[in-house]
Amino acid sequence: MVCAAAIAQSNPTDFKTWLIDLKIDKQYAITRFLNPYFLVADFNGDGTEDYAVLIFQKKTMKKGILIVDGHNSKYFILGAGNALGNGGDDFKWAGGWNIYKKNMLTFL
């Protein structure tokens, strides 16, 4: 299993290795349909950096996001053949993504 410490010290090009370590490499592959193609932040508030990487489901070519918990290496797949509310099961509609830290947003 992919280790959180290895994730933190790895080069972003190692994401392909993560898919193998997570045993999902036969179903999914990394894609770069947005720039950046990965984001790093503490998504769940546990004090550890987590990772979000753009992926696609090989069978259907549907796009989505792989989120890897940096604390315990659990993962979640949003889209890429897995329905997520109004986002559907294919994130081909996505035109961009970013990290916004607390208190960063300004209302016009």
N, C-alpha and C. Protein backbone atom coordinates (compact mmCIF):
# COMPACT_ATOMS: atom_id res chain seq x y z
N MET A 1 0.84 -1.18 0.00
CA MET A 1 0.00 0.00 0.00
C MET A 1 0.88 1.24 0.00
N VAL A 2 0.42 2.26 -0.69
CA VAL A 2 1.17 3.51 -0.76
C VAL A 2 1.24 4.14 0.63
N CYS A 3 2.42 4.60 0.99
CA CYS A 3 2.68 5.15 2.31
C CYS A 3 2.55 6.66 2.25
N ALA A 4 1.92 7.28 3.26
CA ALA A 4 1.74 8.73 3.30
C ALA A 4 3.09 9.45 3.27
N ALA A 5 4.09 8.93 3.94
CA ALA A 5 5.41 9.56 3.94
C ALA A 5 6.02 9.52 2.53
N ALA A 6 5.81 8.42 1.83
CA ALA A 6 6.32 8.31 0.46
C ALA A 6 5.59 9.30 -0.45
N ILE A 7 4.31 9.47 -0.23
CA ILE A 7 3.54 10.44 -1.01
C ILE A 7 4.12 11.83 -0.81
N ALA A 8 4.36 12.20 0.42
CA ALA A 8 4.82 13.55 0.73
C ALA A 8 6.18 13.85 0.10
N GLN A 9 7.01 12.84 -0.07
CA GLN A 9 8.35 13.07 -0.59
C GLN A 9 8.49 12.73 -2.07
N SER A 10 7.41 12.26 -2.68
CA SER A 10 7.52 11.80 -4.06
C SER A 10 7.45 12.95 -5.05
N ASN A 11 7.93 12.66 -6.22
CA ASN A 11 7.83 13.57 -7.35
C ASN A 11 6.43 13.39 -7.94
N PRO A 12 5.77 14.46 -8.39
CA PRO A 12 4.44 14.29 -8.97
C PRO A 12 4.37 13.25 -10.09
N THR A 13 5.46 12.97 -10.75
CA THR A 13 5.43 11.96 -11.80
C THR A 13 5.26 10.56 -11.22
N ASP A 14 5.35 10.42 -9.92
CA ASP A 14 5.17 9.14 -9.26
C ASP A 14 3.69 8.78 -9.08
N PHE A 15 2.77 9.64 -9.52
CA PHE A 15 1.35 9.35 -9.36
C PHE A 15 0.97 8.04 -10.03
N LYS A 16 1.61 7.71 -11.14
CA LYS A 16 1.34 6.44 -11.81
C LYS A 16 1.66 5.27 -10.87
N THR A 17 2.74 5.40 -10.12
CA THR A 17 3.11 4.37 -9.15
C THR A 17 2.05 4.25 -8.05
N TRP A 18 1.46 5.39 -7.68
CA TRP A 18 0.41 5.35 -6.65
C TRP A 18 -0.76 4.48 -7.12
N LEU A 19 -1.14 4.63 -8.40
CA LEU A 19 -2.25 3.83 -8.92
C LEU A 19 -1.95 2.35 -8.78
N ILE A 20 -0.70 1.98 -9.05
CA ILE A 20 -0.28 0.58 -8.91
C ILE A 20 -0.35 0.17 -7.44
N ASP A 21 0.21 1.01 -6.55
CA ASP A 21 0.22 0.70 -5.12
C ASP A 21 -1.19 0.60 -4.54
N LEU A 22 -2.09 1.43 -5.05
CA LEU A 22 -3.49 1.42 -4.58
C LEU A 22 -4.30 0.31 -5.26
N LYS A 23 -3.68 -0.39 -6.21
CA LYS A 23 -4.30 -1.48 -6.95
C LYS A 23 -5.50 -1.02 -7.79
N ILE A 24 -5.39 0.18 -8.37
CA ILE A 24 -6.44 0.69 -9.24
C ILE A 24 -5.89 1.05 -10.62
N ASP A 25 -4.66 0.64 -10.90
CA ASP A 25 -4.01 0.98 -12.16
C ASP A 25 -4.63 0.30 -13.38
N LYS A 26 -5.33 -0.81 -13.20
CA LYS A 26 -5.97 -1.49 -14.32
C LYS A 26 -7.24 -0.76 -14.76
N GLN A 27 -7.88 -0.04 -13.82
CA GLN A 27 -9.13 0.67 -14.11
C GLN A 27 -8.93 2.15 -14.45
N TYR A 28 -7.88 2.78 -13.88
CA TYR A 28 -7.72 4.22 -14.00
C TYR A 28 -6.30 4.59 -14.44
N ALA A 29 -6.20 5.78 -15.04
CA ALA A 29 -4.90 6.32 -15.44
C ALA A 29 -4.90 7.83 -15.16
N ILE A 30 -3.71 8.38 -14.97
CA ILE A 30 -3.54 9.81 -14.74
C ILE A 30 -3.79 10.54 -16.05
N THR A 31 -4.41 11.71 -15.97
CA THR A 31 -4.63 12.55 -17.14
C THR A 31 -4.26 13.99 -16.79
N ARG A 32 -4.05 14.78 -17.80
CA ARG A 32 -3.67 16.18 -17.60
C ARG A 32 -4.63 17.10 -18.35
N PHE A 33 -5.94 16.85 -18.22
CA PHE A 33 -6.89 17.66 -18.97
C PHE A 33 -7.09 19.04 -18.36
N LEU A 34 -6.55 19.28 -17.18
CA LEU A 34 -6.52 20.61 -16.57
C LEU A 34 -5.10 20.90 -16.10
N ASN A 35 -4.81 22.17 -15.95
CA ASN A 35 -3.51 22.58 -15.42
C ASN A 35 -3.74 23.46 -14.21
N PRO A 36 -3.26 23.05 -13.04
CA PRO A 36 -2.43 21.88 -12.77
C PRO A 36 -3.26 20.60 -12.80
N TYR A 37 -2.59 19.48 -12.97
CA TYR A 37 -3.30 18.21 -12.99
C TYR A 37 -3.35 17.54 -11.62
N PHE A 38 -2.74 18.18 -10.61
CA PHE A 38 -2.85 17.69 -9.24
C PHE A 38 -2.84 18.89 -8.30
N LEU A 39 -3.47 18.70 -7.12
CA LEU A 39 -3.50 19.73 -6.08
C LEU A 39 -3.11 19.08 -4.76
N VAL A 40 -2.48 19.87 -3.90
CA VAL A 40 -2.06 19.39 -2.58
C VAL A 40 -2.62 20.34 -1.54
N ALA A 41 -3.34 19.80 -0.55
CA ALA A 41 -3.91 20.60 0.54
C ALA A 41 -4.41 19.64 1.61
N ASP A 42 -4.73 20.18 2.76
CA ASP A 42 -5.33 19.39 3.83
C ASP A 42 -6.85 19.42 3.62
N PHE A 43 -7.35 18.56 2.74
CA PHE A 43 -8.75 18.58 2.36
C PHE A 43 -9.70 18.19 3.50
N ASN A 44 -9.26 17.31 4.40
CA ASN A 44 -10.16 16.84 5.45
C ASN A 44 -9.87 17.44 6.83
N GLY A 45 -8.94 18.38 6.92
CA GLY A 45 -8.69 19.09 8.17
C GLY A 45 -7.99 18.30 9.25
N ASP A 46 -7.27 17.23 8.89
CA ASP A 46 -6.59 16.42 9.90
C ASP A 46 -5.14 16.85 10.14
N GLY A 47 -4.71 17.94 9.48
CA GLY A 47 -3.35 18.43 9.68
C GLY A 47 -2.31 17.79 8.76
N THR A 48 -2.73 16.89 7.87
CA THR A 48 -1.82 16.21 6.96
C THR A 48 -2.18 16.59 5.52
N GLU A 49 -1.18 16.83 4.69
CA GLU A 49 -1.45 17.15 3.29
C GLU A 49 -2.06 15.96 2.57
N ASP A 50 -3.10 16.22 1.82
CA ASP A 50 -3.77 15.23 1.00
C ASP A 50 -3.53 15.61 -0.46
N TYR A 51 -3.82 14.70 -1.36
CA TYR A 51 -3.53 14.91 -2.78
C TYR A 51 -4.75 14.64 -3.63
N ALA A 52 -4.99 15.50 -4.60
CA ALA A 52 -6.05 15.30 -5.58
C ALA A 52 -5.38 15.26 -6.95
N VAL A 53 -5.66 14.22 -7.71
CA VAL A 53 -5.01 14.00 -9.00
C VAL A 53 -6.08 13.72 -10.04
N LEU A 54 -5.95 14.31 -11.21
CA LEU A 54 -6.90 14.06 -12.29
C LEU A 54 -6.66 12.68 -12.88
N ILE A 55 -7.75 11.94 -13.07
CA ILE A 55 -7.67 10.59 -13.61
C ILE A 55 -8.76 10.39 -14.67
N PHE A 56 -8.69 9.28 -15.38
CA PHE A 56 -9.80 8.85 -16.23
C PHE A 56 -9.95 7.35 -16.08
N GLN A 57 -11.20 6.90 -16.27
CA GLN A 57 -11.51 5.48 -16.22
C GLN A 57 -11.16 4.90 -17.59
N LYS A 58 -10.30 3.91 -17.63
CA LYS A 58 -9.81 3.36 -18.90
C LYS A 58 -10.93 2.77 -19.76
N LYS A 59 -11.88 2.11 -19.15
CA LYS A 59 -12.95 1.43 -19.90
C LYS A 59 -13.85 2.43 -20.62
N THR A 60 -14.17 3.55 -19.97
CA THR A 60 -15.14 4.49 -20.52
C THR A 60 -14.54 5.83 -20.95
N MET A 61 -13.30 6.10 -20.55
CA MET A 61 -12.62 7.38 -20.79
C MET A 61 -13.25 8.53 -20.00
N LYS A 62 -14.07 8.22 -19.01
CA LYS A 62 -14.70 9.25 -18.20
C LYS A 62 -13.68 9.85 -17.23
N LYS A 63 -13.72 11.17 -17.11
CA LYS A 63 -12.75 11.90 -16.29
C LYS A 63 -13.24 12.07 -14.86
N GLY A 64 -12.26 12.20 -13.95
CA GLY A 64 -12.60 12.40 -12.55
C GLY A 64 -11.38 12.79 -11.73
N ILE A 65 -11.54 12.65 -10.42
CA ILE A 65 -10.49 13.05 -9.47
C ILE A 65 -10.25 11.93 -8.49
N LEU A 66 -8.98 11.60 -8.30
CA LEU A 66 -8.55 10.67 -7.26
C LEU A 66 -8.05 11.51 -6.09
N ILE A 67 -8.63 11.33 -4.91
CA ILE A 67 -8.18 12.02 -3.71
C ILE A 67 -7.55 10.98 -2.80
N VAL A 68 -6.29 11.22 -2.42
CA VAL A 68 -5.56 10.31 -1.54
C VAL A 68 -5.34 11.01 -0.21
N ASP A 69 -5.79 10.38 0.88
CA ASP A 69 -5.61 10.90 2.23
C ASP A 69 -4.14 10.71 2.62
N GLY A 70 -3.44 11.80 2.89
CA GLY A 70 -2.03 11.73 3.23
C GLY A 70 -1.75 11.11 4.58
N HIS A 71 -2.77 11.02 5.44
CA HIS A 71 -2.58 10.46 6.78
C HIS A 71 -2.60 8.94 6.77
N ASN A 72 -3.55 8.37 6.05
CA ASN A 72 -3.69 6.91 6.11
C ASN A 72 -3.75 6.25 4.73
N SER A 73 -3.57 7.02 3.67
CA SER A 73 -3.53 6.52 2.30
C SER A 73 -4.85 5.94 1.80
N LYS A 74 -5.97 6.24 2.48
CA LYS A 74 -7.27 5.87 1.91
C LYS A 74 -7.50 6.76 0.70
N TYR A 75 -8.29 6.29 -0.23
CA TYR A 75 -8.54 7.08 -1.42
C TYR A 75 -10.02 7.13 -1.75
N PHE A 76 -10.37 8.16 -2.51
CA PHE A 76 -11.73 8.38 -2.95
C PHE A 76 -11.67 8.76 -4.42
N ILE A 77 -12.62 8.26 -5.19
CA ILE A 77 -12.69 8.61 -6.61
C ILE A 77 -14.00 9.33 -6.86
N LEU A 78 -13.87 10.54 -7.39
CA LEU A 78 -15.03 11.37 -7.72
C LEU A 78 -15.11 11.43 -9.24
N GLY A 79 -16.26 11.12 -9.80
CA GLY A 79 -16.36 11.05 -11.25
C GLY A 79 -15.64 9.82 -11.77
N ALA A 80 -15.09 9.89 -12.97
CA ALA A 80 -14.37 8.76 -13.58
C ALA A 80 -15.20 7.48 -13.51
N GLY A 81 -16.50 7.62 -13.83
CA GLY A 81 -17.40 6.47 -13.81
C GLY A 81 -18.16 6.30 -12.51
N ASN A 82 -17.88 7.13 -11.50
CA ASN A 82 -18.55 7.08 -10.20
C ASN A 82 -19.36 8.37 -10.04
N ALA A 83 -20.68 8.25 -10.00
CA ALA A 83 -21.55 9.42 -9.93
C ALA A 83 -21.33 10.21 -8.65
N LEU A 84 -21.34 11.54 -8.80
CA LEU A 84 -21.21 12.44 -7.65
C LEU A 84 -22.23 13.56 -7.81
N GLY A 85 -23.41 13.37 -7.26
CA GLY A 85 -24.44 14.40 -7.29
C GLY A 85 -24.63 15.01 -8.67
N ASN A 86 -24.74 16.34 -8.71
CA ASN A 86 -24.94 17.04 -9.97
C ASN A 86 -23.70 17.02 -10.86
N GLY A 87 -22.56 16.62 -10.31
CA GLY A 87 -21.33 16.54 -11.10
C GLY A 87 -21.32 15.37 -12.06
N GLY A 88 -22.20 14.41 -11.82
CA GLY A 88 -22.29 13.24 -12.67
C GLY A 88 -21.12 12.29 -12.50
N ASP A 89 -20.96 11.39 -13.45
CA ASP A 89 -19.89 10.39 -13.37
C ASP A 89 -18.76 10.68 -14.34
N ASP A 90 -18.82 11.83 -15.01
CA ASP A 90 -17.77 12.23 -15.96
C ASP A 90 -17.52 13.71 -15.78
N PHE A 91 -16.32 14.06 -15.36
CA PHE A 91 -15.99 15.47 -15.10
C PHE A 91 -15.45 16.17 -16.35
N LYS A 92 -15.87 15.73 -17.52
CA LYS A 92 -15.43 16.37 -18.77
C LYS A 92 -15.84 17.83 -18.82
N TRP A 93 -16.81 18.20 -18.02
CA TRP A 93 -17.30 19.58 -17.96
C TRP A 93 -16.33 20.51 -17.23
N ALA A 94 -15.41 19.96 -16.45
CA ALA A 94 -14.52 20.79 -15.62
C ALA A 94 -13.61 21.65 -16.49
N GLY A 95 -13.57 22.93 -16.18
CA GLY A 95 -12.74 23.85 -16.93
C GLY A 95 -11.55 24.37 -16.16
N GLY A 96 -11.48 24.05 -14.88
CA GLY A 96 -10.37 24.49 -14.05
C GLY A 96 -10.61 24.13 -12.59
N TRP A 97 -9.55 24.15 -11.83
CA TRP A 97 -9.67 23.91 -10.38
C TRP A 97 -8.50 24.56 -9.69
N ASN A 98 -8.72 24.95 -8.44
CA ASN A 98 -7.70 25.63 -7.64
C ASN A 98 -7.94 25.35 -6.17
N ILE A 99 -6.96 25.69 -5.36
CA ILE A 99 -7.09 25.64 -3.91
C ILE A 99 -7.32 27.07 -3.42
N TYR A 100 -8.35 27.25 -2.62
CA TYR A 100 -8.60 28.54 -1.97
C TYR A 100 -8.54 28.31 -0.48
N LYS A 101 -7.61 28.97 0.17
CA LYS A 101 -7.46 28.82 1.62
C LYS A 101 -8.51 29.65 2.32
N LYS A 102 -8.77 29.33 3.58
CA LYS A 102 -9.75 30.08 4.37
C LYS A 102 -9.44 31.57 4.31
N ASN A 103 -10.49 32.36 4.27
CA ASN A 103 -10.41 33.82 4.27
C ASN A 103 -9.72 34.38 3.03
N MET A 104 -9.56 33.58 1.98
CA MET A 104 -8.91 34.06 0.76
C MET A 104 -9.91 34.67 -0.22
N LEU A 105 -11.16 34.27 -0.11
CA LEU A 105 -12.14 34.73 -1.06
C LEU A 105 -12.57 36.16 -0.75
N THR A 106 -12.72 36.94 -1.77
CA THR A 106 -13.20 38.31 -1.65
C THR A 106 -14.48 38.42 -2.47
N PHE A 107 -15.50 38.97 -1.88
CA PHE A 107 -16.76 39.14 -2.59
C PHE A 107 -16.77 40.48 -3.28
N LEU A 108 -17.19 40.49 -4.53
CA LEU A 108 -17.24 41.74 -5.31
C LEU A 108 -18.56 42.43 -5.12
